[in-house]
Amino acid sequence: MESIIKADIFFFITSISVVIVTVVIIIASYYIIGTLSNLRDISRSLKNAADTVEADMTEIRERVIESSLFSFVFGKKKKKK
């Protein structure tokens, strides 16, 4: 009879532990999903910023190469025949 009482106590404690662990996993999943969503938004923003900077740097490079001061200091490109 005593072993049945011990088994009932064990299953009761195990059931409570499973419920608590499940609740903790659900809460952690909620925060992880929120964090991943924020990381996705940050990644998109950084990609857009990098694309903008790339376009600006290309334009600046072209302007510098076309400037007269650059041509004076470094000379013009010689065309190959």
PDB file of N, CA and C in Angstrom:
ATOM      1  N   MET A   1       0.815  -1.197   0.000  1.00  0.00           N
ATOM      2  CA  MET A   1       0.000   0.000   0.000  1.00  0.00           C
ATOM      3  C   MET A   1       0.860   1.263   0.000  1.00  0.00           C
ATOM      4  N   GLU A   2       1.954   1.173   0.717  1.00  0.00           N
ATOM      5  CA  GLU A   2       2.845   2.327   0.812  1.00  0.00           C
ATOM      6  C   GLU A   2       3.486   2.635  -0.542  1.00  0.00           C
ATOM      7  N   SER A   3       3.789   1.620  -1.327  1.00  0.00           N
ATOM      8  CA  SER A   3       4.395   1.841  -2.644  1.00  0.00           C
ATOM      9  C   SER A   3       3.408   2.528  -3.587  1.00  0.00           C
ATOM     10  N   ILE A   4       2.113   2.259  -3.442  1.00  0.00           N
ATOM     11  CA  ILE A   4       1.110   2.928  -4.279  1.00  0.00           C
ATOM     12  C   ILE A   4       1.037   4.404  -3.928  1.00  0.00           C
ATOM     13  N   ILE A   5       1.137   4.748  -2.664  1.00  0.00           N
ATOM     14  CA  ILE A   5       1.117   6.150  -2.243  1.00  0.00           C
ATOM     15  C   ILE A   5       2.360   6.864  -2.775  1.00  0.00           C
ATOM     16  N   LYS A   6       3.512   6.211  -2.689  1.00  0.00           N
ATOM     17  CA  LYS A   6       4.753   6.796  -3.210  1.00  0.00           C
ATOM     18  C   LYS A   6       4.658   6.997  -4.721  1.00  0.00           C
ATOM     19  N   ALA A   7       4.059   6.045  -5.422  1.00  0.00           N
ATOM     20  CA  ALA A   7       3.894   6.183  -6.872  1.00  0.00           C
ATOM     21  C   ALA A   7       2.950   7.327  -7.200  1.00  0.00           C
ATOM     22  N   ASP A   8       1.876   7.489  -6.433  1.00  0.00           N
ATOM     23  CA  ASP A   8       0.945   8.598  -6.663  1.00  0.00           C
ATOM     24  C   ASP A   8       1.633   9.943  -6.435  1.00  0.00           C
ATOM     25  N   ILE A   9       2.442  10.033  -5.392  1.00  0.00           N
ATOM     26  CA  ILE A   9       3.178  11.275  -5.124  1.00  0.00           C
ATOM     27  C   ILE A   9       4.154  11.549  -6.254  1.00  0.00           C
ATOM     28  N   PHE A  10       4.856  10.520  -6.719  1.00  0.00           N
ATOM     29  CA  PHE A  10       5.806  10.682  -7.827  1.00  0.00           C
ATOM     30  C   PHE A  10       5.100  11.190  -9.082  1.00  0.00           C
ATOM     31  N   PHE A  11       3.983  10.593  -9.456  1.00  0.00           N
ATOM     32  CA  PHE A  11       3.273  11.010 -10.664  1.00  0.00           C
ATOM     33  C   PHE A  11       2.665  12.407 -10.509  1.00  0.00           C
ATOM     34  N   PHE A  12       2.245  12.768  -9.310  1.00  0.00           N
ATOM     35  CA  PHE A  12       1.718  14.107  -9.065  1.00  0.00           C
ATOM     36  C   PHE A  12       2.819  15.149  -9.243  1.00  0.00           C
ATOM     37  N   ILE A  13       3.981  14.905  -8.646  1.00  0.00           N
ATOM     38  CA  ILE A  13       5.103  15.839  -8.769  1.00  0.00           C
ATOM     39  C   ILE A  13       5.584  15.899 -10.220  1.00  0.00           C
ATOM     40  N   THR A  14       5.633  14.774 -10.902  1.00  0.00           N
ATOM     41  CA  THR A  14       6.044  14.747 -12.305  1.00  0.00           C
ATOM     42  C   THR A  14       5.065  15.526 -13.173  1.00  0.00           C
ATOM     43  N   SER A  15       3.789  15.395 -12.926  1.00  0.00           N
ATOM     44  CA  SER A  15       2.776  16.122 -13.707  1.00  0.00           C
ATOM     45  C   SER A  15       2.923  17.628 -13.521  1.00  0.00           C
ATOM     46  N   ILE A  16       3.123  18.056 -12.271  1.00  0.00           N
ATOM     47  CA  ILE A  16       3.316  19.486 -12.008  1.00  0.00           C
ATOM     48  C   ILE A  16       4.585  19.970 -12.695  1.00  0.00           C
ATOM     49  N   SER A  17       5.663  19.193 -12.638  1.00  0.00           N
ATOM     50  CA  SER A  17       6.927  19.588 -13.288  1.00  0.00           C
ATOM     51  C   SER A  17       6.757  19.711 -14.795  1.00  0.00           C
ATOM     52  N   VAL A  18       6.041  18.799 -15.402  1.00  0.00           N
ATOM     53  CA  VAL A  18       5.822  18.851 -16.854  1.00  0.00           C
ATOM     54  C   VAL A  18       5.035  20.104 -17.219  1.00  0.00           C
ATOM     55  N   VAL A  19       4.021  20.437 -16.441  1.00  0.00           N
ATOM     56  CA  VAL A  19       3.229  21.641 -16.713  1.00  0.00           C
ATOM     57  C   VAL A  19       4.100  22.895 -16.581  1.00  0.00           C
ATOM     58  N   ILE A  20       4.910  22.961 -15.546  1.00  0.00           N
ATOM     59  CA  ILE A  20       5.779  24.129 -15.336  1.00  0.00           C
ATOM     60  C   ILE A  20       6.793  24.253 -16.464  1.00  0.00           C
ATOM     61  N   VAL A  21       7.430  23.156 -16.838  1.00  0.00           N
ATOM     62  CA  VAL A  21       8.420  23.184 -17.926  1.00  0.00           C
ATOM     63  C   VAL A  21       7.752  23.596 -19.234  1.00  0.00           C
ATOM     64  N   THR A  22       6.544  23.120 -19.494  1.00  0.00           N
ATOM     65  CA  THR A  22       5.824  23.485 -20.719  1.00  0.00           C
ATOM     66  C   THR A  22       5.520  24.976 -20.743  1.00  0.00           C
ATOM     67  N   VAL A  23       5.093  25.535 -19.620  1.00  0.00           N
ATOM     68  CA  VAL A  23       4.798  26.968 -19.544  1.00  0.00           C
ATOM     69  C   VAL A  23       6.074  27.776 -19.773  1.00  0.00           C
ATOM     70  N   VAL A  24       7.187  27.354 -19.172  1.00  0.00           N
ATOM     71  CA  VAL A  24       8.461  28.057 -19.354  1.00  0.00           C
ATOM     72  C   VAL A  24       8.893  27.999 -20.817  1.00  0.00           C
ATOM     73  N   ILE A  25       8.739  26.859 -21.466  1.00  0.00           N
ATOM     74  CA  ILE A  25       9.115  26.727 -22.880  1.00  0.00           C
ATOM     75  C   ILE A  25       8.236  27.629 -23.756  1.00  0.00           C
ATOM     76  N   ILE A  26       6.959  27.715 -23.453  1.00  0.00           N
ATOM     77  CA  ILE A  26       6.064  28.575 -24.232  1.00  0.00           C
ATOM     78  C   ILE A  26       6.455  30.035 -24.070  1.00  0.00           C
ATOM     79  N   ILE A  27       6.746  30.461 -22.842  1.00  0.00           N
ATOM     80  CA  ILE A  27       7.150  31.857 -22.610  1.00  0.00           C
ATOM     81  C   ILE A  27       8.476  32.155 -23.302  1.00  0.00           C
ATOM     82  N   ALA A  28       9.443  31.250 -23.183  1.00  0.00           N
ATOM     83  CA  ALA A  28      10.741  31.454 -23.841  1.00  0.00           C
ATOM     84  C   ALA A  28      10.578  31.506 -25.355  1.00  0.00           C
ATOM     85  N   SER A  29       9.724  30.675 -25.913  1.00  0.00           N
ATOM     86  CA  SER A  29       9.480  30.680 -27.359  1.00  0.00           C
ATOM     87  C   SER A  29       8.890  32.010 -27.805  1.00  0.00           C
ATOM     88  N   TYR A  30       7.998  32.565 -27.018  1.00  0.00           N
ATOM     89  CA  TYR A  30       7.396  33.863 -27.345  1.00  0.00           C
ATOM     90  C   TYR A  30       8.475  34.940 -27.447  1.00  0.00           C
ATOM     91  N   TYR A  31       9.378  34.982 -26.466  1.00  0.00           N
ATOM     92  CA  TYR A  31      10.431  35.991 -26.488  1.00  0.00           C
ATOM     93  C   TYR A  31      11.449  35.727 -27.591  1.00  0.00           C
ATOM     94  N   ILE A  32      11.755  34.479 -27.861  1.00  0.00           N
ATOM     95  CA  ILE A  32      12.699  34.145 -28.939  1.00  0.00           C
ATOM     96  C   ILE A  32      12.127  34.561 -30.290  1.00  0.00           C
ATOM     97  N   ILE A  33      10.842  34.313 -30.508  1.00  0.00           N
ATOM     98  CA  ILE A  33      10.214  34.709 -31.773  1.00  0.00           C
ATOM     99  C   ILE A  33      10.238  36.227 -31.922  1.00  0.00           C
ATOM    100  N   GLY A  34       9.967  36.949 -30.854  1.00  0.00           N
ATOM    101  CA  GLY A  34      10.037  38.411 -30.897  1.00  0.00           C
ATOM    102  C   GLY A  34      11.430  38.915 -31.214  1.00  0.00           C
ATOM    103  N   THR A  35      12.426  38.298 -30.595  1.00  0.00           N
ATOM    104  CA  THR A  35      13.816  38.688 -30.841  1.00  0.00           C
ATOM    105  C   THR A  35      14.220  38.401 -32.279  1.00  0.00           C
ATOM    106  N   LEU A  36      13.839  37.257 -32.809  1.00  0.00           N
ATOM    107  CA  LEU A  36      14.167  36.922 -34.195  1.00  0.00           C
ATOM    108  C   LEU A  36      13.474  37.876 -35.170  1.00  0.00           C
ATOM    109  N   SER A  37      12.272  38.295 -34.844  1.00  0.00           N
ATOM    110  CA  SER A  37      11.569  39.264 -35.687  1.00  0.00           C
ATOM    111  C   SER A  37      12.315  40.592 -35.708  1.00  0.00           C
ATOM    112  N   ASN A  38      12.775  41.037 -34.540  1.00  0.00           N
ATOM    113  CA  ASN A  38      13.556  42.278 -34.476  1.00  0.00           C
ATOM    114  C   ASN A  38      14.865  42.153 -35.245  1.00  0.00           C
ATOM    115  N   LEU A  39      15.526  41.011 -35.130  1.00  0.00           N
ATOM    116  CA  LEU A  39      16.771  40.800 -35.873  1.00  0.00           C
ATOM    117  C   LEU A  39      16.536  40.833 -37.377  1.00  0.00           C
ATOM    118  N   ARG A  40      15.401  40.296 -37.825  1.00  0.00           N
ATOM    119  CA  ARG A  40      15.077  40.329 -39.247  1.00  0.00           C
ATOM    120  C   ARG A  40      14.883  41.776 -39.711  1.00  0.00           C
ATOM    121  N   ASP A  41      14.189  42.583 -38.907  1.00  0.00           N
ATOM    122  CA  ASP A  41      13.983  43.989 -39.260  1.00  0.00           C
ATOM    123  C   ASP A  41      15.305  44.750 -39.290  1.00  0.00           C
ATOM    124  N   ILE A  42      16.158  44.496 -38.311  1.00  0.00           N
ATOM    125  CA  ILE A  42      17.470  45.152 -38.273  1.00  0.00           C
ATOM    126  C   ILE A  42      18.302  44.740 -39.481  1.00  0.00           C
ATOM    127  N   SER A  43      18.252  43.482 -39.832  1.00  0.00           N
ATOM    128  CA  SER A  43      19.004  42.989 -40.988  1.00  0.00           C
ATOM    129  C   SER A  43      18.538  43.662 -42.274  1.00  0.00           C
ATOM    130  N   ARG A  44      17.236  43.807 -42.430  1.00  0.00           N
ATOM    131  CA  ARG A  44      16.704  44.487 -43.620  1.00  0.00           C
ATOM    132  C   ARG A  44      17.160  45.944 -43.664  1.00  0.00           C
ATOM    133  N   SER A  45      17.123  46.621 -42.507  1.00  0.00           N
ATOM    134  CA  SER A  45      17.552  48.015 -42.456  1.00  0.00           C
ATOM    135  C   SER A  45      19.024  48.154 -42.820  1.00  0.00           C
ATOM    136  N   LEU A  46      19.850  47.256 -42.282  1.00  0.00           N
ATOM    137  CA  LEU A  46      21.277  47.307 -42.592  1.00  0.00           C
ATOM    138  C   LEU A  46      21.543  47.021 -44.061  1.00  0.00           C
ATOM    139  N   LYS A  47      20.794  46.109 -44.656  1.00  0.00           N
ATOM    140  CA  LYS A  47      20.973  45.804 -46.073  1.00  0.00           C
ATOM    141  C   LYS A  47      20.611  47.015 -46.923  1.00  0.00           C
ATOM    142  N   ASN A  48      19.503  47.668 -46.594  1.00  0.00           N
ATOM    143  CA  ASN A  48      19.103  48.866 -47.338  1.00  0.00           C
ATOM    144  C   ASN A  48      20.138  49.975 -47.190  1.00  0.00           C
ATOM    145  N   ALA A  49      20.659  50.143 -45.978  1.00  0.00           N
ATOM    146  CA  ALA A  49      21.685  51.160 -45.749  1.00  0.00           C
ATOM    147  C   ALA A  49      22.955  50.841 -46.526  1.00  0.00           C
ATOM    148  N   ALA A  50      23.346  49.569 -46.552  1.00  0.00           N
ATOM    149  CA  ALA A  50      24.551  49.167 -47.294  1.00  0.00           C
ATOM    150  C   ALA A  50      24.363  49.398 -48.790  1.00  0.00           C
ATOM    151  N   ASP A  51      23.174  49.120 -49.303  1.00  0.00           N
ATOM    152  CA  ASP A  51      22.913  49.374 -50.720  1.00  0.00           C
ATOM    153  C   ASP A  51      22.994  50.860 -51.040  1.00  0.00           C
ATOM    154  N   THR A  52      22.461  51.688 -50.154  1.00  0.00           N
ATOM    155  CA  THR A  52      22.511  53.133 -50.348  1.00  0.00           C
ATOM    156  C   THR A  52      23.950  53.637 -50.318  1.00  0.00           C
ATOM    157  N   VAL A  53      24.720  53.148 -49.350  1.00  0.00           N
ATOM    158  CA  VAL A  53      26.129  53.558 -49.239  1.00  0.00           C
ATOM    159  C   VAL A  53      26.901  53.102 -50.472  1.00  0.00           C
ATOM    160  N   GLU A  54      26.624  51.913 -50.965  1.00  0.00           N
ATOM    161  CA  GLU A  54      27.306  51.418 -52.158  1.00  0.00           C
ATOM    162  C   GLU A  54      27.031  52.327 -53.357  1.00  0.00           C
ATOM    163  N   ALA A  55      25.774  52.714 -53.525  1.00  0.00           N
ATOM    164  CA  ALA A  55      25.425  53.597 -54.649  1.00  0.00           C
ATOM    165  C   ALA A  55      26.106  54.954 -54.495  1.00  0.00           C
ATOM    166  N   ASP A  56      26.112  55.477 -53.271  1.00  0.00           N
ATOM    167  CA  ASP A  56      26.759  56.775 -53.033  1.00  0.00           C
ATOM    168  C   ASP A  56      28.258  56.701 -53.285  1.00  0.00           C
ATOM    169  N   MET A  57      28.902  55.628 -52.829  1.00  0.00           N
ATOM    170  CA  MET A  57      30.347  55.498 -53.026  1.00  0.00           C
ATOM    171  C   MET A  57      30.699  55.349 -54.502  1.00  0.00           C
ATOM    172  N   THR A  58      29.864  54.656 -55.251  1.00  0.00           N
ATOM    173  CA  THR A  58      30.095  54.534 -56.693  1.00  0.00           C
ATOM    174  C   THR A  58      30.010  55.906 -57.356  1.00  0.00           C
ATOM    175  N   GLU A  59      29.027  56.697 -56.970  1.00  0.00           N
ATOM    176  CA  GLU A  59      28.878  58.040 -57.530  1.00  0.00           C
ATOM    177  C   GLU A  59      30.049  58.932 -57.141  1.00  0.00           C
ATOM    178  N   ILE A  60      30.486  58.858 -55.898  1.00  0.00           N
ATOM    179  CA  ILE A  60      31.631  59.668 -55.445  1.00  0.00           C
ATOM    180  C   ILE A  60      32.892  59.253 -56.200  1.00  0.00           C
ATOM    181  N   ARG A  61      33.101  57.962 -56.384  1.00  0.00           N
ATOM    182  CA  ARG A  61      34.276  57.475 -57.112  1.00  0.00           C
ATOM    183  C   ARG A  61      34.288  58.012 -58.542  1.00  0.00           C
ATOM    184  N   GLU A  62      33.133  57.971 -59.185  1.00  0.00           N
ATOM    185  CA  GLU A  62      33.067  58.468 -60.552  1.00  0.00           C
ATOM    186  C   GLU A  62      33.356  59.963 -60.604  1.00  0.00           C
ATOM    187  N   ARG A  63      32.847  60.725 -59.668  1.00  0.00           N
ATOM    188  CA  ARG A  63      33.101  62.168 -59.636  1.00  0.00           C
ATOM    189  C   ARG A  63      34.573  62.475 -59.388  1.00  0.00           C
ATOM    190  N   VAL A  64      35.199  61.708 -58.485  1.00  0.00           N
ATOM    191  CA  VAL A  64      36.615  61.936 -58.193  1.00  0.00           C
ATOM    192  C   VAL A  64      37.456  61.630 -59.423  1.00  0.00           C
ATOM    193  N   ILE A  65      37.178  60.524 -60.099  1.00  0.00           N
ATOM    194  CA  ILE A  65      37.958  60.145 -61.276  1.00  0.00           C
ATOM    195  C   ILE A  65      37.791  61.182 -62.382  1.00  0.00           C
ATOM    196  N   GLU A  66      36.605  61.758 -62.516  1.00  0.00           N
ATOM    197  CA  GLU A  66      36.350  62.743 -63.568  1.00  0.00           C
ATOM    198  C   GLU A  66      36.865  64.140 -63.226  1.00  0.00           C
ATOM    199  N   SER A  67      37.265  64.382 -61.964  1.00  0.00           N
ATOM    200  CA  SER A  67      37.688  65.724 -61.569  1.00  0.00           C
ATOM    201  C   SER A  67      39.036  66.080 -62.206  1.00  0.00           C
ATOM    202  N   SER A  68      39.231  67.362 -62.401  1.00  0.00           N
ATOM    203  CA  SER A  68      40.463  67.823 -63.038  1.00  0.00           C
ATOM    204  C   SER A  68      41.662  67.684 -62.104  1.00  0.00           C
ATOM    205  N   LEU A  69      41.456  67.843 -60.817  1.00  0.00           N
ATOM    206  CA  LEU A  69      42.550  67.700 -59.867  1.00  0.00           C
ATOM    207  C   LEU A  69      43.081  66.270 -59.868  1.00  0.00           C
ATOM    208  N   PHE A  70      42.205  65.303 -59.904  1.00  0.00           N
ATOM    209  CA  PHE A  70      42.613  63.898 -59.955  1.00  0.00           C
ATOM    210  C   PHE A  70      43.397  63.629 -61.240  1.00  0.00           C
ATOM    211  N   SER A  71      42.893  64.146 -62.343  1.00  0.00           N
ATOM    212  CA  SER A  71      43.589  63.952 -63.625  1.00  0.00           C
ATOM    213  C   SER A  71      44.959  64.620 -63.601  1.00  0.00           C
ATOM    214  N   PHE A  72      45.067  65.786 -62.961  1.00  0.00           N
ATOM    215  CA  PHE A  72      46.336  66.494 -62.887  1.00  0.00           C
ATOM    216  C   PHE A  72      47.342  65.720 -62.040  1.00  0.00           C
ATOM    217  N   VAL A  73      46.896  65.191 -60.913  1.00  0.00           N
ATOM    218  CA  VAL A  73      47.809  64.505 -59.998  1.00  0.00           C
ATOM    219  C   VAL A  73      48.184  63.123 -60.524  1.00  0.00           C
ATOM    220  N   PHE A  74      47.227  62.373 -61.000  1.00  0.00           N
ATOM    221  CA  PHE A  74      47.489  60.993 -61.390  1.00  0.00           C
ATOM    222  C   PHE A  74      47.581  60.792 -62.896  1.00  0.00           C
ATOM    223  N   GLY A  75      47.286  61.782 -63.662  1.00  0.00           N
ATOM    224  CA  GLY A  75      47.334  61.660 -65.106  1.00  0.00           C
ATOM    225  C   GLY A  75      46.109  60.923 -65.642  1.00  0.00           C
ATOM    226  N   LYS A  76      45.947  61.004 -66.952  1.00  0.00           N
ATOM    227  CA  LYS A  76      44.817  60.348 -67.575  1.00  0.00           C
ATOM    228  C   LYS A  76      45.199  58.915 -67.920  1.00  0.00           C
ATOM    229  N   LYS A  77      44.212  58.085 -68.032  1.00  0.00           N
ATOM    230  CA  LYS A  77      44.451  56.705 -68.414  1.00  0.00           C
ATOM    231  C   LYS A  77      44.894  56.656 -69.868  1.00  0.00           C
ATOM    232  N   LYS A  78      45.890  55.846 -70.100  1.00  0.00           N
ATOM    233  CA  LYS A  78      46.349  55.678 -71.468  1.00  0.00           C
ATOM    234  C   LYS A  78      45.546  54.565 -72.104  1.00  0.00           C
ATOM    235  N   LYS A  79      45.048  54.822 -73.270  1.00  0.00           N
ATOM    236  CA  LYS A  79      44.278  53.802 -73.973  1.00  0.00           C
ATOM    237  C   LYS A  79      45.236  52.885 -74.722  1.00  0.00           C
ATOM    238  N   LYS A  80      44.948  51.601 -74.636  1.00  0.00           N
ATOM    239  CA  LYS A  80      45.772  50.629 -75.354  1.00  0.00           C
ATOM    240  C   LYS A  80      45.291  50.530 -76.792  1.00  0.00           C
ATOM    241  N   LYS A  81      46.232  50.307 -77.672  1.00  0.00           N
ATOM    242  CA  LYS A  81      45.895  50.192 -79.073  1.00  0.00           C
ATOM    243  C   LYS A  81      45.474  48.793 -79.417  1.00  0.00           C
TER     244      LYS A  81
END
